[in-house]
Amino acid sequence: MNLRKKKRIYLDHAASTPCDKYVLLEIKKCHKKYFANPKAIHREGTSARNILAEKRKKIAGILGAQEEEIIFTGSGTESDNLAIKGVVNYYRKLVNNPHVITINIEHPAVLESCRILIEEKIDITFLPVEKNGIINLKLLKESLKENTVLISVMYANNEIGTIQPIQEISKIIRQHREKYNKETPFFHTDAVQATNYLLLKVAKLGVDLMSLNSSKIYGPKGVGILYKKRGVPLNPIIFGGNQEYGFRAGTENIALISGFSKALEMVEKVKEKELERITKLHHYFINKISSDFSTIIINGDQIKTLPNIVNISIPNIESELLIIELDARGIAVSAGAACKTGSESHVIKAIQSADSRIMGNIRFSFGRTTRRSDLNYAFLSLKKILQKYKIL
């Protein structure tokens, strides 16, 4: 294949997905028709309230949850903050020195929430992961305390795609509760990256709290949800009105919520087919890289992984230079979490041994528009860049 200039190739779907055309139509319709405040008692308010209830019921059905267990938020980040701070703040006066466990490759929304809690004298354990990015379950068991109130472990990592053993973690938590005859610890998972490809039924996963984000599933930005199992205590972190059962103040954005509902419905319809298609692309791309580049490191577990993420490290070249060079050739990629651009990846640092060499790290993340021809072009472009800088 000749390397030639072609249309832009977007391989950064883990950062954000384009909004689906049918989702956009849904948003436009709702903006026009259901503009009233759903708290109002007039006809327009009642219509908005009915649509809000309809979309909540739809999402709850997809997750296998009850309607009152769905809390609409402004983002996945807010959902993470609400889950972690909400549980801890509730237990501050009930438990002597409440304890939280998480892992060191979590999304910044979880890590920064925990770091703020440390400043407030809350006991936080950051568990290291294995070299493949997967939690050590034995270490988790050993880290549990009688005063542990929350465990937050992401379903799948946003940088390297590694899938955590959520159901096994849930079993460990249940056994710990039985041992001490307690309702805690509760189990929160950030499922933002997992939504497109993995099981979402909360009962089967065994989670008490789960965060989702619309902008990662071809929906609009500015809306997310927190699934909160009935009976899980939670203090709000945003104050004002009593919207969202008193857990999240602020007038609900009916149009964005409707868009999110539509996007999630479409994800469920195409999930099985897309999983199969993207998995084939993942294997194809990994094999091409492995066969041609002996010095490139492929990060994360290659079996227990999301099919749309390929994260690689290349010696003797910087991430920023790789991204710029690929961008100049019409290819959009990133170095990791979009919200931490410019910082060294805490995920790669956690799974790689210390190395004096410069290691350029880039993440290719596929989506519904990704085709094999796109990956061929990306591969040849990468090869040209490495030849240019005499890396090969």
Protein backbone atom coordinates (compact mmCIF):
# COMPACT_ATOMS: atom_id res chain seq x y z
CA MET A 1 0.00 0.00 0.00
CA ASN A 2 1.28 3.46 -0.88
CA LEU A 3 1.31 6.03 1.88
CA ARG A 4 -0.86 8.84 0.64
CA LYS A 5 -2.79 11.75 2.02
CA LYS A 6 -6.41 10.84 2.69
CA LYS A 7 -9.36 11.93 4.83
CA ARG A 8 -8.87 12.43 8.54
CA ILE A 9 -8.79 9.21 10.53
CA TYR A 10 -10.15 9.51 14.05
CA LEU A 11 -8.59 6.94 16.38
CA ASP A 12 -9.35 8.65 19.71
CA HIS A 13 -12.80 7.26 20.51
CA ALA A 14 -11.78 6.51 24.11
CA ALA A 15 -11.46 10.26 24.64
CA SER A 16 -14.75 11.20 23.01
CA THR A 17 -17.07 9.80 20.36
CA PRO A 18 -18.92 11.78 17.68
CA CYS A 19 -22.60 12.27 18.42
CA ASP A 20 -24.74 9.82 16.43
CA LYS A 21 -27.10 11.43 13.90
CA TYR A 22 -30.17 9.75 15.42
CA VAL A 23 -29.13 10.97 18.85
CA LEU A 24 -28.80 14.51 17.47
CA LEU A 25 -32.32 14.27 16.05
CA GLU A 26 -33.62 13.16 19.44
CA ILE A 27 -31.88 16.07 21.18
CA LYS A 28 -33.22 18.58 18.65
CA LYS A 29 -36.77 17.28 19.05
CA CYS A 30 -36.62 17.46 22.84
CA HIS A 31 -35.02 20.92 22.87
CA LYS A 32 -37.92 22.18 20.82
CA LYS A 33 -40.79 20.31 22.47
CA TYR A 34 -39.80 19.70 26.11
CA PHE A 35 -38.19 22.96 27.18
CA ALA A 36 -40.14 23.51 30.40
CA ASN A 37 -38.87 22.85 33.91
CA PRO A 38 -39.96 19.31 34.88
CA LYS A 39 -40.71 20.54 38.41
CA ALA A 40 -43.43 22.91 37.14
CA ILE A 41 -47.06 21.82 37.62
CA HIS A 42 -48.43 23.32 34.40
CA ARG A 43 -49.00 21.29 31.22
CA GLU A 44 -45.57 22.04 29.74
CA GLY A 45 -43.85 21.08 32.99
CA THR A 46 -45.87 17.88 33.20
CA SER A 47 -44.87 16.95 29.64
CA ALA A 48 -41.17 17.49 30.47
CA ARG A 49 -41.55 15.48 33.68
CA ASN A 50 -43.18 12.61 31.81
CA ILE A 51 -40.33 12.50 29.28
CA LEU A 52 -37.78 12.55 32.10
CA ALA A 53 -39.54 9.61 33.74
CA GLU A 54 -39.74 7.76 30.41
CA LYS A 55 -35.99 8.13 29.75
CA ARG A 56 -35.11 7.16 33.32
CA LYS A 57 -37.23 4.02 32.96
CA LYS A 58 -35.56 3.19 29.63
CA ILE A 59 -32.04 3.49 31.08
CA ALA A 60 -33.00 1.59 34.22
CA GLY A 61 -34.32 -1.25 32.06
CA ILE A 62 -31.04 -1.49 30.13
CA LEU A 63 -29.07 -1.70 33.38
CA GLY A 64 -31.51 -4.06 35.07
CA ALA A 65 -32.15 -1.42 37.73
CA GLN A 66 -35.12 0.35 39.33
CA GLU A 67 -36.05 3.82 38.08
CA GLU A 68 -35.27 5.48 41.43
CA GLU A 69 -31.76 3.98 41.27
CA ILE A 70 -30.80 6.20 38.30
CA ILE A 71 -29.35 9.63 39.15
CA PHE A 72 -28.68 11.98 36.23
CA THR A 73 -25.47 14.02 36.49
CA GLY A 74 -23.47 16.39 34.29
CA SER A 75 -20.71 13.90 33.38
CA GLY A 76 -18.96 10.67 34.25
CA THR A 77 -16.54 12.72 36.34
CA GLU A 78 -19.37 14.12 38.43
CA SER A 79 -20.82 10.63 38.83
CA ASP A 80 -17.47 9.37 40.18
CA ASN A 81 -17.22 12.32 42.57
CA LEU A 82 -20.78 11.81 43.82
CA ALA A 83 -20.26 8.09 44.41
CA ILE A 84 -16.99 8.44 46.32
CA LYS A 85 -17.53 11.65 48.26
CA GLY A 86 -21.21 10.89 48.75
CA VAL A 87 -20.61 7.57 50.52
CA VAL A 88 -17.64 8.81 52.56
CA ASN A 89 -19.41 11.99 53.67
CA TYR A 90 -22.38 9.94 54.85
CA TYR A 91 -20.18 7.69 57.00
CA ARG A 92 -17.90 10.37 58.47
CA LYS A 93 -19.94 10.62 61.69
CA LEU A 94 -21.03 6.98 61.78
CA VAL A 95 -17.73 5.16 61.33
CA ASN A 96 -14.51 5.87 63.16
CA ASN A 97 -11.98 6.77 60.43
CA PRO A 98 -13.86 5.47 57.33
CA HIS A 99 -11.58 3.61 54.94
CA VAL A 100 -11.66 3.55 51.10
CA ILE A 101 -9.86 1.20 48.69
CA THR A 102 -9.12 1.95 45.03
CA ILE A 103 -6.42 1.08 42.48
CA ASN A 104 -3.56 3.22 41.22
CA ILE A 105 -4.64 3.21 37.55
CA GLU A 106 -8.11 4.68 38.09
CA HIS A 107 -9.47 7.59 36.08
CA PRO A 108 -8.34 10.98 37.48
CA ALA A 109 -11.94 11.65 38.60
CA VAL A 110 -11.58 8.81 41.11
CA LEU A 111 -7.94 9.41 42.05
CA GLU A 112 -8.36 13.15 42.61
CA SER A 113 -11.56 12.63 44.62
CA CYS A 114 -9.61 10.25 46.86
CA ARG A 115 -6.65 12.63 47.18
CA ILE A 116 -8.97 15.40 48.33
CA LEU A 117 -10.41 13.03 50.92
CA ILE A 118 -6.88 12.28 52.15
CA GLU A 119 -6.45 16.00 52.82
CA GLU A 120 -9.62 15.72 54.89
CA LYS A 121 -7.98 12.94 56.96
CA ILE A 122 -9.86 10.05 55.31
CA ASP A 123 -7.95 6.74 55.15
CA ILE A 124 -7.39 5.78 51.49
CA THR A 125 -5.57 2.70 50.18
CA PHE A 126 -4.29 2.88 46.58
CA LEU A 127 -3.64 -0.71 45.54
CA PRO A 128 -0.96 -1.34 42.89
CA VAL A 129 -1.96 -3.46 39.89
CA GLU A 130 -0.02 -6.28 38.26
CA LYS A 131 2.12 -5.62 35.17
CA ASN A 132 -0.85 -6.45 32.95
CA GLY A 133 -2.91 -3.77 34.69
CA ILE A 134 -5.18 -6.15 36.59
CA ILE A 135 -5.89 -5.94 40.32
CA ASN A 136 -4.34 -8.50 42.66
CA LEU A 137 -7.36 -10.03 44.40
CA LYS A 138 -5.28 -11.46 47.25
CA LEU A 139 -3.94 -7.99 47.97
CA LEU A 140 -7.48 -6.62 47.90
CA LYS A 141 -8.59 -9.17 50.50
CA GLU A 142 -5.62 -8.32 52.72
CA SER A 143 -6.37 -4.58 52.46
CA LEU A 144 -9.96 -4.82 53.65
CA LYS A 145 -10.65 -3.50 57.15
CA GLU A 146 -13.66 -3.59 59.42
CA ASN A 147 -14.06 0.16 58.80
CA THR A 148 -13.82 -0.07 54.98
CA VAL A 149 -16.89 1.74 53.65
CA LEU A 150 -16.19 1.85 49.91
CA ILE A 151 -14.21 0.08 47.20
CA SER A 152 -13.91 1.80 43.83
CA VAL A 153 -12.42 -0.22 40.98
CA MET A 154 -12.97 0.74 37.34
CA TYR A 155 -14.62 -1.80 35.04
CA ALA A 156 -12.16 -1.20 32.18
CA ASN A 157 -9.20 1.15 31.97
CA ASN A 158 -9.46 4.19 29.71
CA GLU A 159 -5.76 4.16 28.70
CA ILE A 160 -4.80 0.52 28.26
CA GLY A 161 -8.22 -1.15 28.05
CA THR A 162 -7.60 -3.71 30.81
CA ILE A 163 -10.82 -5.25 32.16
CA GLN A 164 -10.99 -5.79 35.91
CA PRO A 165 -12.61 -8.91 37.46
CA ILE A 166 -15.66 -7.01 38.72
CA GLN A 167 -17.74 -10.07 39.64
CA GLU A 168 -14.87 -11.61 41.62
CA ILE A 169 -14.33 -8.34 43.48
CA SER A 170 -18.04 -8.28 44.28
CA LYS A 171 -17.82 -11.79 45.74
CA ILE A 172 -14.90 -10.79 47.99
CA ILE A 173 -16.90 -7.79 49.21
CA ARG A 174 -19.96 -9.94 50.01
CA GLN A 175 -17.81 -12.34 52.03
CA HIS A 176 -16.30 -9.43 53.97
CA ARG A 177 -19.76 -8.03 54.77
CA GLU A 178 -20.88 -11.43 56.05
CA LYS A 179 -17.76 -11.76 58.20
CA TYR A 180 -18.45 -8.51 60.05
CA ASN A 181 -22.26 -8.55 59.62
CA LYS A 182 -22.15 -5.10 58.01
CA GLU A 183 -23.76 -3.40 55.02
CA THR A 184 -20.38 -1.98 54.03
CA PRO A 185 -18.15 -1.80 52.08
CA PHE A 186 -20.15 -0.68 49.07
CA PHE A 187 -18.75 -1.34 45.60
CA HIS A 188 -18.44 1.44 43.01
CA THR A 189 -17.22 0.96 39.46
CA ASP A 190 -16.46 3.52 36.77
CA ALA A 191 -17.94 1.81 33.70
CA VAL A 192 -17.49 4.75 31.33
CA GLN A 193 -15.14 2.92 28.92
CA ALA A 194 -16.84 -0.45 29.29
CA THR A 195 -20.31 0.66 28.17
CA ASN A 196 -19.87 0.09 24.43
CA TYR A 197 -18.67 -3.52 24.69
CA LEU A 198 -19.29 -5.16 28.08
CA LEU A 199 -22.14 -6.44 30.25
CA LEU A 200 -24.01 -3.64 32.06
CA LYS A 201 -26.55 -5.56 34.15
CA VAL A 202 -25.82 -4.29 37.66
CA ALA A 203 -27.16 -7.34 39.50
CA LYS A 204 -24.93 -9.71 37.53
CA LEU A 205 -21.93 -7.47 38.08
CA GLY A 206 -22.70 -7.20 41.79
CA VAL A 207 -22.05 -3.45 42.02
CA ASP A 208 -23.75 -0.95 44.32
CA LEU A 209 -22.76 2.18 42.39
CA MET A 210 -21.84 2.56 38.71
CA SER A 211 -20.82 5.62 36.70
CA LEU A 212 -21.61 6.08 32.98
CA ASN A 213 -20.90 8.94 30.58
CA SER A 214 -22.85 9.88 27.44
CA SER A 215 -19.94 11.32 25.43
CA LYS A 216 -18.18 7.93 25.25
CA ILE A 217 -21.17 6.17 23.64
CA TYR A 218 -21.98 8.49 20.71
CA GLY A 219 -24.20 10.66 22.87
CA PRO A 220 -23.96 14.35 23.82
CA LYS A 221 -21.42 15.82 26.22
CA GLY A 222 -22.67 17.26 29.48
CA VAL A 223 -24.68 14.33 30.82
CA GLY A 224 -23.86 11.18 32.76
CA ILE A 225 -25.52 8.92 35.29
CA LEU A 226 -24.79 7.33 38.61
CA TYR A 227 -26.55 4.06 39.29
CA LYS A 228 -27.11 3.89 43.05
CA LYS A 229 -28.55 0.67 44.39
CA ARG A 230 -31.61 1.10 46.56
CA GLY A 231 -30.56 1.44 50.21
CA VAL A 232 -27.03 2.70 49.53
CA PRO A 233 -26.66 5.90 51.62
CA LEU A 234 -25.29 8.93 49.81
CA ASN A 235 -24.79 12.58 50.68
CA PRO A 236 -25.16 15.09 47.83
CA ILE A 237 -22.16 17.14 46.72
CA ILE A 238 -24.18 19.77 44.81
CA PHE A 239 -26.79 21.71 46.75
CA GLY A 240 -29.87 23.70 45.80
CA GLY A 241 -33.14 22.05 44.81
CA ASN A 242 -34.27 18.50 45.54
CA GLN A 243 -33.96 17.18 41.98
CA GLU A 244 -32.84 13.59 41.34
CA TYR A 245 -34.37 12.30 44.58
CA GLY A 246 -32.38 14.91 46.50
CA PHE A 247 -29.01 13.55 45.39
CA ARG A 248 -28.18 16.07 42.64
CA ALA A 249 -29.53 19.63 42.71
CA GLY A 250 -30.11 21.45 39.42
CA THR A 251 -32.78 21.48 36.72
CA GLU A 252 -32.48 18.35 34.60
CA ASN A 253 -31.50 18.85 30.95
CA ILE A 254 -34.27 16.89 29.26
CA ALA A 255 -32.75 17.14 25.78
CA LEU A 256 -29.32 15.79 26.80
CA ILE A 257 -30.86 13.08 28.97
CA SER A 258 -33.02 12.03 26.02
CA GLY A 259 -29.91 11.95 23.82
CA PHE A 260 -28.09 9.81 26.38
CA SER A 261 -31.02 7.42 26.58
CA LYS A 262 -31.11 7.08 22.80
CA ALA A 263 -27.34 6.54 22.61
CA LEU A 264 -27.44 3.84 25.29
CA GLU A 265 -30.34 2.12 23.55
CA MET A 266 -28.37 2.08 20.28
CA VAL A 267 -25.26 0.74 22.03
CA GLU A 268 -27.21 -2.24 23.31
CA LYS A 269 -28.60 -2.97 19.84
CA VAL A 270 -25.20 -3.04 18.10
CA LYS A 271 -23.03 -4.25 21.01
CA GLU A 272 -22.68 -7.90 20.02
CA LYS A 273 -21.96 -7.16 16.37
CA GLU A 274 -19.56 -4.30 17.13
CA LEU A 275 -17.72 -6.38 19.72
CA GLU A 276 -17.04 -9.05 17.10
CA ARG A 277 -16.01 -6.54 14.42
CA ILE A 278 -13.76 -4.41 16.63
CA THR A 279 -12.13 -7.49 18.17
CA LYS A 280 -11.01 -8.60 14.70
CA LEU A 281 -9.55 -5.15 14.04
CA HIS A 282 -7.78 -5.24 17.41
CA HIS A 283 -6.11 -8.58 16.66
CA TYR A 284 -5.20 -7.42 13.15
CA PHE A 285 -3.55 -4.21 14.35
CA ILE A 286 -1.73 -5.88 17.26
CA ASN A 287 -0.33 -8.56 14.93
CA LYS A 288 0.93 -5.98 12.44
CA ILE A 289 2.69 -4.00 15.17
CA SER A 290 4.16 -7.09 16.83
CA SER A 291 5.49 -8.55 13.59
CA ASP A 292 7.16 -5.35 12.33
CA PHE A 293 8.30 -3.55 15.49
CA SER A 294 10.29 -5.71 17.87
CA THR A 295 11.12 -2.83 20.23
CA ILE A 296 7.55 -1.59 20.70
CA ILE A 297 5.84 -2.51 23.97
CA ILE A 298 2.12 -3.29 23.85
CA ASN A 299 0.68 -2.18 27.18
CA GLY A 300 -1.90 -4.01 29.25
CA ASP A 301 -3.37 -7.49 29.15
CA GLN A 302 -4.10 -8.64 25.60
CA ILE A 303 -6.86 -11.08 26.55
CA LYS A 304 -8.77 -9.33 29.33
CA THR A 305 -9.00 -6.07 27.45
CA LEU A 306 -11.42 -3.82 25.62
CA PRO A 307 -11.22 -4.55 21.89
CA ASN A 308 -11.09 -0.90 20.83
CA ILE A 309 -7.93 0.19 22.71
CA VAL A 310 -4.35 -0.46 21.62
CA ASN A 311 -1.77 1.30 23.78
CA ILE A 312 1.90 1.13 22.82
CA SER A 313 5.20 2.46 24.12
CA ILE A 314 8.10 3.24 21.78
CA PRO A 315 11.66 3.81 23.02
CA ASN A 316 13.67 6.96 22.28
CA ILE A 317 10.86 9.21 21.11
CA GLU A 318 8.43 11.43 23.01
CA SER A 319 4.66 10.97 23.04
CA GLU A 320 3.92 14.53 22.02
CA LEU A 321 6.13 14.28 18.94
CA LEU A 322 4.43 11.03 17.87
CA ILE A 323 0.98 12.58 18.26
CA ILE A 324 1.95 15.70 16.29
CA GLU A 325 3.54 13.66 13.50
CA LEU A 326 0.50 11.38 13.22
CA ASP A 327 -1.81 14.38 13.29
CA ALA A 328 0.13 15.96 10.42
CA ARG A 329 -0.58 12.78 8.45
CA GLY A 330 -4.31 13.02 9.19
CA ILE A 331 -4.52 10.64 12.15
CA ALA A 332 -5.95 11.62 15.54
CA VAL A 333 -4.61 9.66 18.54
CA SER A 334 -3.73 10.53 22.13
CA ALA A 335 -1.23 9.64 24.81
CA GLY A 336 -3.85 8.58 27.34
CA ALA A 337 -6.55 10.26 29.39
CA ALA A 338 -7.77 13.37 27.57
CA CYS A 339 -8.25 15.25 30.84
CA LYS A 340 -4.55 14.80 31.74
CA THR A 341 -2.94 15.86 28.44
CA GLY A 342 0.61 17.05 28.97
CA SER A 343 1.18 14.92 32.07
CA GLU A 344 3.10 11.67 32.35
CA SER A 345 0.64 8.78 32.25
CA HIS A 346 0.12 7.44 35.77
CA VAL A 347 -1.25 4.23 34.22
CA ILE A 348 1.86 3.47 32.14
CA LYS A 349 4.07 4.44 35.06
CA ALA A 350 2.17 1.97 37.26
CA ILE A 351 2.60 -1.03 34.94
CA GLN A 352 6.09 -0.48 33.53
CA SER A 353 9.43 -0.88 35.28
CA ALA A 354 11.56 2.22 35.68
CA ASP A 355 13.51 2.83 32.49
CA SER A 356 16.09 5.53 31.77
CA ARG A 357 15.07 5.66 28.09
CA ILE A 358 12.50 8.07 26.75
CA MET A 359 9.36 6.05 26.07
CA GLY A 360 6.76 7.55 23.76
CA ASN A 361 3.32 6.31 24.70
CA ILE A 362 0.31 6.52 22.35
CA ARG A 363 -3.21 5.14 22.47
CA PHE A 364 -5.14 4.14 19.37
CA SER A 365 -8.84 3.75 20.17
CA PHE A 366 -11.27 2.49 17.55
CA GLY A 367 -14.95 3.19 16.99
CA ARG A 368 -17.91 2.52 14.73
CA THR A 369 -16.33 4.25 11.74
CA THR A 370 -12.95 2.50 12.03
CA ARG A 371 -12.05 0.21 9.12
CA ARG A 372 -9.06 -2.03 8.35
CA SER A 373 -7.89 0.46 5.70
CA ASP A 374 -7.68 3.12 8.45
CA LEU A 375 -5.44 0.89 10.53
CA ASN A 376 -3.24 0.08 7.54
CA TYR A 377 -2.74 3.77 6.92
CA ALA A 378 -2.03 4.42 10.61
CA PHE A 379 0.47 1.56 10.69
CA LEU A 380 2.36 2.78 7.60
CA SER A 381 2.32 6.34 8.92
CA LEU A 382 3.82 5.19 12.21
CA LYS A 383 6.48 3.25 10.31
CA LYS A 384 7.41 6.34 8.27
CA ILE A 385 7.69 8.44 11.45
CA LEU A 386 9.97 5.94 13.15
CA GLN A 387 12.14 5.74 10.01
CA LYS A 388 12.29 9.53 9.89
CA TYR A 389 13.65 9.71 13.44
CA LYS A 390 15.82 6.59 12.95
CA ILE A 391 13.99 4.64 15.66
CA LEU A 392 13.72 1.43 13.62
